[in-house]
PDB file of all heavy atoms in Angstrom:
ATOM      1  N   ARG A   1    -121.945 -90.551  65.365  1.00  0.00           N
ATOM      2  CA  ARG A   1    -121.459 -91.595  64.464  1.00  0.00           C
ATOM      3  C   ARG A   1    -122.299 -91.620  63.191  1.00  0.00           C
ATOM      4  O   ARG A   1    -123.448 -91.194  63.196  1.00  0.00           O
ATOM      5  CB  ARG A   1    -121.496 -92.953  65.144  1.00  0.00           C
ATOM      6  CG  ARG A   1    -122.902 -93.457  65.392  1.00  0.00           C
ATOM      7  CD  ARG A   1    -122.896 -94.881  65.926  1.00  0.00           C
ATOM      8  NE  ARG A   1    -124.207 -95.286  66.352  1.00  0.00           N
ATOM      9  CZ  ARG A   1    -125.183 -95.687  65.526  1.00  0.00           C
ATOM     10  NH1 ARG A   1    -124.984 -95.719  64.239  1.00  0.00           N
ATOM     11  NH2 ARG A   1    -126.362 -96.027  65.998  1.00  0.00           N
ATOM     12  N   PRO A   2    -121.753 -92.140  62.108  1.00  0.00           N
ATOM     13  CA  PRO A   2    -122.552 -92.283  60.894  1.00  0.00           C
ATOM     14  C   PRO A   2    -123.790 -93.130  61.188  1.00  0.00           C
ATOM     15  O   PRO A   2    -123.720 -94.129  61.900  1.00  0.00           O
ATOM     16  CB  PRO A   2    -121.609 -93.001  59.924  1.00  0.00           C
ATOM     17  CG  PRO A   2    -120.242 -92.602  60.395  1.00  0.00           C
ATOM     18  CD  PRO A   2    -120.352 -92.525  61.902  1.00  0.00           C
ATOM     19  N   GLY A   3    -124.932 -92.697  60.654  1.00  0.00           N
ATOM     20  CA  GLY A   3    -126.179 -93.406  60.891  1.00  0.00           C
ATOM     21  C   GLY A   3    -126.807 -93.090  62.231  1.00  0.00           C
ATOM     22  O   GLY A   3    -127.824 -93.664  62.602  1.00  0.00           O
ATOM     23  N   GLY A   4    -126.201 -92.170  62.991  1.00  0.00           N
ATOM     24  CA  GLY A   4    -126.696 -91.819  64.319  1.00  0.00           C
ATOM     25  C   GLY A   4    -127.947 -90.958  64.262  1.00  0.00           C
ATOM     26  O   GLY A   4    -128.411 -90.563  63.192  1.00  0.00           O
ATOM     27  N   ARG A   5    -128.484 -90.680  65.435  1.00  0.00           N
ATOM     28  CA  ARG A   5    -129.732 -89.944  65.562  1.00  0.00           C
ATOM     29  C   ARG A   5    -129.536 -88.773  66.508  1.00  0.00           C
ATOM     30  O   ARG A   5    -128.988 -88.937  67.587  1.00  0.00           O
ATOM     31  CB  ARG A   5    -130.751 -90.890  66.190  1.00  0.00           C
ATOM     32  CG  ARG A   5    -132.113 -90.775  65.658  1.00  0.00           C
ATOM     33  CD  ARG A   5    -133.022 -91.777  66.340  1.00  0.00           C
ATOM     34  NE  ARG A   5    -132.684 -93.132  65.937  1.00  0.00           N
ATOM     35  CZ  ARG A   5    -133.120 -94.207  66.533  1.00  0.00           C
ATOM     36  NH1 ARG A   5    -133.899 -94.126  67.574  1.00  0.00           N
ATOM     37  NH2 ARG A   5    -132.781 -95.389  66.107  1.00  0.00           N
ATOM     38  N   ILE A   6    -130.005 -87.606  66.140  1.00  0.00           N
ATOM     39  CA  ILE A   6    -130.008 -86.439  67.006  1.00  0.00           C
ATOM     40  C   ILE A   6    -131.461 -86.094  67.285  1.00  0.00           C
ATOM     41  O   ILE A   6    -132.236 -85.881  66.353  1.00  0.00           O
ATOM     42  CB  ILE A   6    -129.291 -85.229  66.362  1.00  0.00           C
ATOM     43  CG1 ILE A   6    -127.825 -85.560  66.094  1.00  0.00           C
ATOM     44  CG2 ILE A   6    -129.426 -83.992  67.245  1.00  0.00           C
ATOM     45  CD1 ILE A   6    -127.091 -84.503  65.299  1.00  0.00           C
ATOM     46  N   VAL A   7    -131.837 -86.089  68.556  1.00  0.00           N
ATOM     47  CA  VAL A   7    -133.201 -85.744  68.939  1.00  0.00           C
ATOM     48  C   VAL A   7    -133.164 -84.349  69.522  1.00  0.00           C
ATOM     49  O   VAL A   7    -132.413 -84.066  70.449  1.00  0.00           O
ATOM     50  CB  VAL A   7    -133.776 -86.742  69.970  1.00  0.00           C
ATOM     51  CG1 VAL A   7    -135.191 -86.346  70.371  1.00  0.00           C
ATOM     52  CG2 VAL A   7    -133.742 -88.157  69.403  1.00  0.00           C
ATOM     53  N   MET A   8    -133.991 -83.463  68.946  1.00  0.00           N
ATOM     54  CA  MET A   8    -134.012 -82.068  69.374  1.00  0.00           C
ATOM     55  C   MET A   8    -135.330 -81.791  70.068  1.00  0.00           C
ATOM     56  O   MET A   8    -136.369 -82.300  69.655  1.00  0.00           O
ATOM     57  CB  MET A   8    -133.879 -81.151  68.163  1.00  0.00           C
ATOM     58  CG  MET A   8    -132.596 -81.368  67.392  1.00  0.00           C
ATOM     59  SD  MET A   8    -132.595 -80.475  65.837  1.00  0.00           S
ATOM     60  CE  MET A   8    -133.789 -81.407  64.907  1.00  0.00           C
ATOM     61  N   TYR A   9    -135.266 -80.985  71.110  1.00  0.00           N
ATOM     62  CA  TYR A   9    -136.497 -80.593  71.791  1.00  0.00           C
ATOM     63  C   TYR A   9    -136.361 -79.160  72.262  1.00  0.00           C
ATOM     64  O   TYR A   9    -135.265 -78.665  72.459  1.00  0.00           O
ATOM     65  CB  TYR A   9    -136.808 -81.522  72.965  1.00  0.00           C
ATOM     66  CG  TYR A   9    -135.763 -81.524  74.049  1.00  0.00           C
ATOM     67  CD1 TYR A   9    -135.862 -80.656  75.123  1.00  0.00           C
ATOM     68  CD2 TYR A   9    -134.671 -82.368  73.984  1.00  0.00           C
ATOM     69  CE1 TYR A   9    -134.900 -80.635  76.119  1.00  0.00           C
ATOM     70  CE2 TYR A   9    -133.712 -82.363  74.971  1.00  0.00           C
ATOM     71  CZ  TYR A   9    -133.836 -81.502  76.034  1.00  0.00           C
ATOM     72  OH  TYR A   9    -132.883 -81.495  77.013  1.00  0.00           O
ATOM     73  N   GLY A  10    -137.498 -78.525  72.406  1.00  0.00           N
ATOM     74  CA  GLY A  10    -137.510 -77.153  72.915  1.00  0.00           C
ATOM     75  C   GLY A  10    -136.965 -76.157  71.924  1.00  0.00           C
ATOM     76  O   GLY A  10    -136.280 -76.497  70.975  1.00  0.00           O
ATOM     77  N   ALA A  11    -137.314 -74.943  72.134  1.00  0.00           N
ATOM     78  CA  ALA A  11    -136.786 -73.838  71.332  1.00  0.00           C
ATOM     79  C   ALA A  11    -136.772 -72.604  72.218  1.00  0.00           C
ATOM     80  O   ALA A  11    -137.164 -71.523  71.818  1.00  0.00           O
ATOM     81  CB  ALA A  11    -137.629 -73.619  70.089  1.00  0.00           C
ATOM     82  N   SER A  12    -136.316 -72.780  73.438  1.00  0.00           N
ATOM     83  CA  SER A  12    -136.374 -71.690  74.406  1.00  0.00           C
ATOM     84  C   SER A  12    -135.480 -70.517  74.041  1.00  0.00           C
ATOM     85  O   SER A  12    -135.682 -69.415  74.521  1.00  0.00           O
ATOM     86  CB  SER A  12    -136.028 -72.204  75.808  1.00  0.00           C
ATOM     87  OG  SER A  12    -134.757 -72.811  75.803  1.00  0.00           O
ATOM     88  N   SER A  13    -134.495 -70.757  73.182  1.00  0.00           N
ATOM     89  CA  SER A  13    -133.630 -69.649  72.782  1.00  0.00           C
ATOM     90  C   SER A  13    -134.008 -69.094  71.415  1.00  0.00           C
ATOM     91  O   SER A  13    -133.302 -68.267  70.873  1.00  0.00           O
ATOM     92  CB  SER A  13    -132.166 -70.099  72.790  1.00  0.00           C
ATOM     93  OG  SER A  13    -131.977 -71.119  71.839  1.00  0.00           O
ATOM     94  N   GLY A  14    -135.108 -69.562  70.836  1.00  0.00           N
ATOM     95  CA  GLY A  14    -135.555 -69.063  69.540  1.00  0.00           C
ATOM     96  C   GLY A  14    -135.605 -70.161  68.504  1.00  0.00           C
ATOM     97  O   GLY A  14    -135.213 -71.296  68.752  1.00  0.00           O
ATOM     98  N   ASP A  15    -136.097 -69.800  67.328  1.00  0.00           N
ATOM     99  CA  ASP A  15    -136.288 -70.787  66.268  1.00  0.00           C
ATOM    100  C   ASP A  15    -135.128 -70.876  65.292  1.00  0.00           C
ATOM    101  O   ASP A  15    -135.055 -71.802  64.505  1.00  0.00           O
ATOM    102  CB  ASP A  15    -137.561 -70.455  65.480  1.00  0.00           C
ATOM    103  CG  ASP A  15    -138.813 -70.680  66.325  1.00  0.00           C
ATOM    104  OD1 ASP A  15    -138.783 -71.562  67.185  1.00  0.00           O
ATOM    105  OD2 ASP A  15    -139.794 -69.959  66.105  1.00  0.00           O
ATOM    106  N   ASP A  16    -134.246 -69.897  65.269  1.00  0.00           N
ATOM    107  CA  ASP A  16    -133.170 -69.882  64.281  1.00  0.00           C
ATOM    108  C   ASP A  16    -132.083 -70.873  64.647  1.00  0.00           C
ATOM    109  O   ASP A  16    -131.581 -70.898  65.768  1.00  0.00           O
ATOM    110  CB  ASP A  16    -132.575 -68.483  64.161  1.00  0.00           C
ATOM    111  CG  ASP A  16    -133.583 -67.480  63.621  1.00  0.00           C
ATOM    112  OD1 ASP A  16    -134.482 -67.898  62.875  1.00  0.00           O
ATOM    113  OD2 ASP A  16    -133.470 -66.291  63.951  1.00  0.00           O
ATOM    114  N   LEU A  17    -131.704 -71.685  63.664  1.00  0.00           N
ATOM    115  CA  LEU A  17    -130.686 -72.707  63.867  1.00  0.00           C
ATOM    116  C   LEU A  17    -129.914 -72.868  62.570  1.00  0.00           C
ATOM    117  O   LEU A  17    -130.507 -72.944  61.491  1.00  0.00           O
ATOM    118  CB  LEU A  17    -131.346 -74.036  64.249  1.00  0.00           C
ATOM    119  CG  LEU A  17    -130.455 -75.244  64.413  1.00  0.00           C
ATOM    120  CD1 LEU A  17    -129.529 -75.052  65.615  1.00  0.00           C
ATOM    121  CD2 LEU A  17    -131.297 -76.483  64.598  1.00  0.00           C
ATOM    122  N   THR A  18    -128.597 -72.930  62.649  1.00  0.00           N
ATOM    123  CA  THR A  18    -127.765 -73.164  61.484  1.00  0.00           C
ATOM    124  C   THR A  18    -127.219 -74.579  61.571  1.00  0.00           C
ATOM    125  O   THR A  18    -126.624 -74.957  62.575  1.00  0.00           O
ATOM    126  CB  THR A  18    -126.596 -72.159  61.447  1.00  0.00           C
ATOM    127  OG1 THR A  18    -127.137 -70.839  61.436  1.00  0.00           O
ATOM    128  CG2 THR A  18    -125.739 -72.370  60.221  1.00  0.00           C
ATOM    129  N   VAL A  19    -127.469 -75.354  60.521  1.00  0.00           N
ATOM    130  CA  VAL A  19    -127.018 -76.746  60.488  1.00  0.00           C
ATOM    131  C   VAL A  19    -126.099 -76.922  59.286  1.00  0.00           C
ATOM    132  O   VAL A  19    -126.499 -76.607  58.156  1.00  0.00           O
ATOM    133  CB  VAL A  19    -128.219 -77.714  60.357  1.00  0.00           C
ATOM    134  CG1 VAL A  19    -127.742 -79.142  60.224  1.00  0.00           C
ATOM    135  CG2 VAL A  19    -129.156 -77.555  61.536  1.00  0.00           C
ATOM    136  N   PRO A  20    -124.879 -77.422  59.499  1.00  0.00           N
ATOM    137  CA  PRO A  20    -124.011 -77.727  58.354  1.00  0.00           C
ATOM    138  C   PRO A  20    -124.576 -78.959  57.638  1.00  0.00           C
ATOM    139  O   PRO A  20    -124.298 -80.099  58.010  1.00  0.00           O
ATOM    140  CB  PRO A  20    -122.645 -77.982  58.990  1.00  0.00           C
ATOM    141  CG  PRO A  20    -122.959 -78.390  60.396  1.00  0.00           C
ATOM    142  CD  PRO A  20    -124.252 -77.727  60.765  1.00  0.00           C
ATOM    143  N   ILE A  21    -125.402 -78.753  56.641  1.00  0.00           N
ATOM    144  CA  ILE A  21    -126.240 -79.791  56.069  1.00  0.00           C
ATOM    145  C   ILE A  21    -125.456 -80.959  55.476  1.00  0.00           C
ATOM    146  O   ILE A  21    -125.900 -82.102  55.533  1.00  0.00           O
ATOM    147  CB  ILE A  21    -127.242 -79.172  55.050  1.00  0.00           C
ATOM    148  CG1 ILE A  21    -128.469 -80.059  54.910  1.00  0.00           C
ATOM    149  CG2 ILE A  21    -126.594 -78.882  53.727  1.00  0.00           C
ATOM    150  CD1 ILE A  21    -129.326 -80.092  56.130  1.00  0.00           C
ATOM    151  N   ARG A  22    -124.266 -80.731  54.936  1.00  0.00           N
ATOM    152  CA  ARG A  22    -123.463 -81.852  54.419  1.00  0.00           C
ATOM    153  C   ARG A  22    -123.078 -82.813  55.530  1.00  0.00           C
ATOM    154  O   ARG A  22    -122.915 -84.000  55.296  1.00  0.00           O
ATOM    155  CB  ARG A  22    -122.214 -81.334  53.709  1.00  0.00           C
ATOM    156  CG  ARG A  22    -122.500 -80.808  52.334  1.00  0.00           C
ATOM    157  CD  ARG A  22    -121.204 -80.504  51.578  1.00  0.00           C
ATOM    158  NE  ARG A  22    -121.474 -79.367  50.715  1.00  0.00           N
ATOM    159  CZ  ARG A  22    -120.929 -78.171  50.828  1.00  0.00           C
ATOM    160  NH1 ARG A  22    -120.031 -77.940  51.734  1.00  0.00           N
ATOM    161  NH2 ARG A  22    -121.260 -77.212  50.006  1.00  0.00           N
ATOM    162  N   SER A  23    -122.957 -82.281  56.751  1.00  0.00           N
ATOM    163  CA  SER A  23    -122.624 -83.131  57.898  1.00  0.00           C
ATOM    164  C   SER A  23    -123.774 -84.063  58.260  1.00  0.00           C
ATOM    165  O   SER A  23    -123.585 -85.010  59.004  1.00  0.00           O
ATOM    166  CB  SER A  23    -122.282 -82.265  59.112  1.00  0.00           C
ATOM    167  OG  SER A  23    -121.166 -81.466  58.840  1.00  0.00           O
ATOM    168  N   VAL A  24    -124.961 -83.773  57.754  1.00  0.00           N
ATOM    169  CA  VAL A  24    -126.125 -84.633  57.978  1.00  0.00           C
ATOM    170  C   VAL A  24    -126.285 -85.621  56.826  1.00  0.00           C
ATOM    171  O   VAL A  24    -126.551 -86.800  57.035  1.00  0.00           O
ATOM    172  CB  VAL A  24    -127.406 -83.775  58.134  1.00  0.00           C
ATOM    173  CG1 VAL A  24    -128.643 -84.649  58.219  1.00  0.00           C
ATOM    174  CG2 VAL A  24    -127.294 -82.871  59.357  1.00  0.00           C
ATOM    175  N   PHE A  25    -126.105 -85.146  55.580  1.00  0.00           N
ATOM    176  CA  PHE A  25    -126.324 -85.984  54.403  1.00  0.00           C
ATOM    177  C   PHE A  25    -125.333 -87.136  54.290  1.00  0.00           C
ATOM    178  O   PHE A  25    -125.741 -88.290  54.204  1.00  0.00           O
ATOM    179  CB  PHE A  25    -126.230 -85.160  53.114  1.00  0.00           C
ATOM    180  CG  PHE A  25    -127.384 -84.235  52.871  1.00  0.00           C
ATOM    181  CD1 PHE A  25    -127.216 -83.099  52.116  1.00  0.00           C
ATOM    182  CD2 PHE A  25    -128.640 -84.491  53.387  1.00  0.00           C
ATOM    183  CE1 PHE A  25    -128.274 -82.235  51.874  1.00  0.00           C
ATOM    184  CE2 PHE A  25    -129.709 -83.645  53.157  1.00  0.00           C
ATOM    185  CZ  PHE A  25    -129.517 -82.513  52.398  1.00  0.00           C
ATOM    186  N   PHE A  26    -124.058 -86.816  54.249  1.00  0.00           N
ATOM    187  CA  PHE A  26    -123.071 -87.840  53.938  1.00  0.00           C
ATOM    188  C   PHE A  26    -123.004 -88.969  54.970  1.00  0.00           C
ATOM    189  O   PHE A  26    -122.945 -90.128  54.589  1.00  0.00           O
ATOM    190  CB  PHE A  26    -121.690 -87.217  53.693  1.00  0.00           C
ATOM    191  CG  PHE A  26    -121.657 -86.385  52.444  1.00  0.00           C
ATOM    192  CD1 PHE A  26    -121.340 -85.044  52.489  1.00  0.00           C
ATOM    193  CD2 PHE A  26    -121.986 -86.936  51.213  1.00  0.00           C
ATOM    194  CE1 PHE A  26    -121.324 -84.262  51.343  1.00  0.00           C
ATOM    195  CE2 PHE A  26    -121.980 -86.169  50.051  1.00  0.00           C
ATOM    196  CZ  PHE A  26    -121.643 -84.831  50.118  1.00  0.00           C
TER     197      PHE A  26
END
């Protein structure tokens, strides 16, 4: 939801991650 929080932990599959950044900003 807008204003929501995503908590990330671990990196067992590696450090590379692609984030659709506009989906975070707006």
